[in-house]
C-alpha atoms as a PDB file:
ATOM      1  CA  MET A   1      10.377 -12.401  -3.236  1.00  0.00           C
ATOM      2  CA  PHE A   2      11.601  -8.917  -4.061  1.00  0.00           C
ATOM      3  CA  CYS A   3      14.516  -8.376  -1.683  1.00  0.00           C
ATOM      4  CA  GLN A   4      16.584 -11.492  -2.429  1.00  0.00           C
ATOM      5  CA  PRO A   5      16.887 -10.949  -6.217  1.00  0.00           C
ATOM      6  CA  VAL A   6      17.782  -7.299  -5.641  1.00  0.00           C
ATOM      7  CA  TRP A   7      20.371  -8.317  -3.031  1.00  0.00           C
ATOM      8  CA  ASP A   8      21.837 -10.938  -5.376  1.00  0.00           C
ATOM      9  CA  TRP A   9      22.121  -8.358  -8.166  1.00  0.00           C
ATOM     10  CA  PHE A  10      23.673  -5.791  -5.817  1.00  0.00           C
ATOM     11  CA  THR A  11      26.310  -8.175  -4.434  1.00  0.00           C
ATOM     12  CA  ALA A  12      27.174  -9.444  -7.937  1.00  0.00           C
ATOM     13  CA  GLN A  13      27.700  -5.862  -9.123  1.00  0.00           C
ATOM     14  CA  ALA A  14      29.761  -4.970  -6.053  1.00  0.00           C
ATOM     15  CA  TRP A  15      31.910  -8.079  -6.617  1.00  0.00           C
ATOM     16  CA  ALA A  16      32.384  -7.177 -10.287  1.00  0.00           C
ATOM     17  CA  ALA A  17      33.478  -3.692  -9.219  1.00  0.00           C
ATOM     18  CA  GLY A  18      36.038  -5.202  -6.835  1.00  0.00           C
ATOM     19  CA  GLN A  19      34.245  -4.073  -3.672  1.00  0.00           C
ATOM     20  CA  LEU A  20      33.481  -7.589  -2.354  1.00  0.00           C
ATOM     21  CA  SER A  21      35.640 -10.696  -2.063  1.00  0.00           C
ATOM     22  CA  ARG A  22      32.919 -13.012  -3.404  1.00  0.00           C
ATOM     23  CA  PRO A  23      29.812 -12.536  -5.578  1.00  0.00           C
ATOM     24  CA  GLN A  24      27.257 -13.895  -3.127  1.00  0.00           C
ATOM     25  CA  ILE A  25      26.827 -12.824   0.486  1.00  0.00           C
ATOM     26  CA  ALA A  26      24.298 -14.618   2.691  1.00  0.00           C
ATOM     27  CA  VAL A  27      21.543 -12.512   4.195  1.00  0.00           C
ATOM     28  CA  GLU A  28      18.436 -13.166   6.305  1.00  0.00           C
ATOM     29  CA  TRP A  29      15.243 -11.224   5.737  1.00  0.00           C
ATOM     30  CA  SER A  30      12.664 -10.523   8.426  1.00  0.00           C
ATOM     31  CA  PRO A  31       9.671  -8.216   8.429  1.00  0.00           C
ATOM     32  CA  PRO A  32       9.765  -5.096  10.595  1.00  0.00           C
ATOM     33  CA  ARG A  33       8.038  -5.166  13.938  1.00  0.00           C
ATOM     34  CA  PHE A  34       4.599  -3.621  14.092  1.00  0.00           C
ATOM     35  CA  GLU A  35       3.197  -2.057  17.223  1.00  0.00           C
ATOM     36  CA  ALA A  36       0.576  -4.110  19.008  1.00  0.00           C
ATOM     37  CA  VAL A  37      -2.833  -2.682  19.790  1.00  0.00           C
ATOM     38  CA  ASP A  38      -3.036  -4.827  22.935  1.00  0.00           C
ATOM     39  CA  PRO A  39       0.462  -6.046  23.923  1.00  0.00           C
ATOM     40  CA  LEU A  40      -0.847  -8.207  26.788  1.00  0.00           C
ATOM     41  CA  LYS A  41      -3.192 -10.154  24.502  1.00  0.00           C
ATOM     42  CA  ASP A  42      -0.433 -10.549  21.910  1.00  0.00           C
ATOM     43  CA  ALA A  43       1.988 -11.841  24.559  1.00  0.00           C
ATOM     44  CA  MET A  44      -0.605 -14.277  25.885  1.00  0.00           C
ATOM     45  CA  ALA A  45      -1.340 -15.497  22.347  1.00  0.00           C
ATOM     46  CA  ASP A  46       2.388 -16.055  21.724  1.00  0.00           C
ATOM     47  CA  LEU A  47       2.725 -17.900  25.034  1.00  0.00           C
ATOM     48  CA  LEU A  48      -0.246 -20.105  24.214  1.00  0.00           C
ATOM     49  CA  ALA A  49       1.144 -20.817  20.742  1.00  0.00           C
ATOM     50  CA  MET A  50       4.540 -21.765  22.184  1.00  0.00           C
ATOM     51  CA  ARG A  51       2.996 -23.981  24.854  1.00  0.00           C
ATOM     52  CA  SER A  52       0.789 -25.717  22.304  1.00  0.00           C
ATOM     53  CA  GLY A  53       3.781 -26.327  20.039  1.00  0.00           C
ATOM     54  CA  THR A  54       2.530 -24.278  17.099  1.00  0.00           C
ATOM     55  CA  MET A  55       5.251 -21.613  17.499  1.00  0.00           C
ATOM     56  CA  THR A  56       8.847 -21.763  18.661  1.00  0.00           C
ATOM     57  CA  LEU A  57      10.548 -19.292  20.966  1.00  0.00           C
ATOM     58  CA  ALA A  58      12.689 -18.177  18.026  1.00  0.00           C
ATOM     59  CA  GLN A  59       9.551 -17.456  15.980  1.00  0.00           C
ATOM     60  CA  ALA A  60       8.044 -15.440  18.841  1.00  0.00           C
ATOM     61  CA  ILE A  61      11.244 -13.398  19.148  1.00  0.00           C
ATOM     62  CA  ALA A  62      11.325 -12.793  15.385  1.00  0.00           C
ATOM     63  CA  ARG A  63       7.693 -11.597  15.468  1.00  0.00           C
ATOM     64  CA  GLN A  64       8.868  -8.835  17.790  1.00  0.00           C
ATOM     65  CA  GLY A  65      11.357  -7.688  15.162  1.00  0.00           C
ATOM     66  CA  HIS A  66      14.451  -9.037  16.927  1.00  0.00           C
ATOM     67  CA  ASN A  67      17.142 -11.475  15.801  1.00  0.00           C
ATOM     68  CA  PRO A  68      16.439 -14.739  17.664  1.00  0.00           C
ATOM     69  CA  ASP A  69      20.098 -15.834  17.607  1.00  0.00           C
ATOM     70  CA  ALA A  70      21.243 -12.559  19.170  1.00  0.00           C
ATOM     71  CA  VAL A  71      18.486 -12.549  21.815  1.00  0.00           C
ATOM     72  CA  LEU A  72      19.075 -16.174  22.813  1.00  0.00           C
ATOM     73  CA  ALA A  73      22.846 -15.590  22.962  1.00  0.00           C
ATOM     74  CA  GLU A  74      22.277 -12.602  25.237  1.00  0.00           C
ATOM     75  CA  ILE A  75      19.974 -14.642  27.475  1.00  0.00           C
ATOM     76  CA  GLY A  76      22.660 -17.361  27.622  1.00  0.00           C
ATOM     77  CA  ARG A  77      25.291 -14.823  28.663  1.00  0.00           C
ATOM     78  CA  LEU A  78      23.010 -13.423  31.369  1.00  0.00           C
ATOM     79  CA  LEU A  79      22.222 -16.889  32.724  1.00  0.00           C
ATOM     80  CA  ALA A  80      25.918 -17.835  32.731  1.00  0.00           C
ATOM     81  CA  PHE A  81      26.741 -14.613  34.575  1.00  0.00           C
ATOM     82  CA  ALA A  82      23.944 -15.179  37.108  1.00  0.00           C
ATOM     83  CA  GLY A  83      25.148 -18.735  37.743  1.00  0.00           C
ATOM     84  CA  ARG A  84      28.592 -17.604  38.890  1.00  0.00           C
END
């Protein structure tokens, strides 16, 4: 609610100043990761949520503060390498 309007203003000003090629640049916002008090219980809760269909793998990865697209791409590369 706060970040997107600020980002939109910033990119519009940078475009007006000739620093960007277009006035709007797409961005994704995600909250920072917070340290778990009991990582095992958190992992088990995420696993249970994924198995019950109330959370996706991408959501579980994002909860850890990582980019799901980057993590899944890395896993794909590792699996392709292992399959050689």
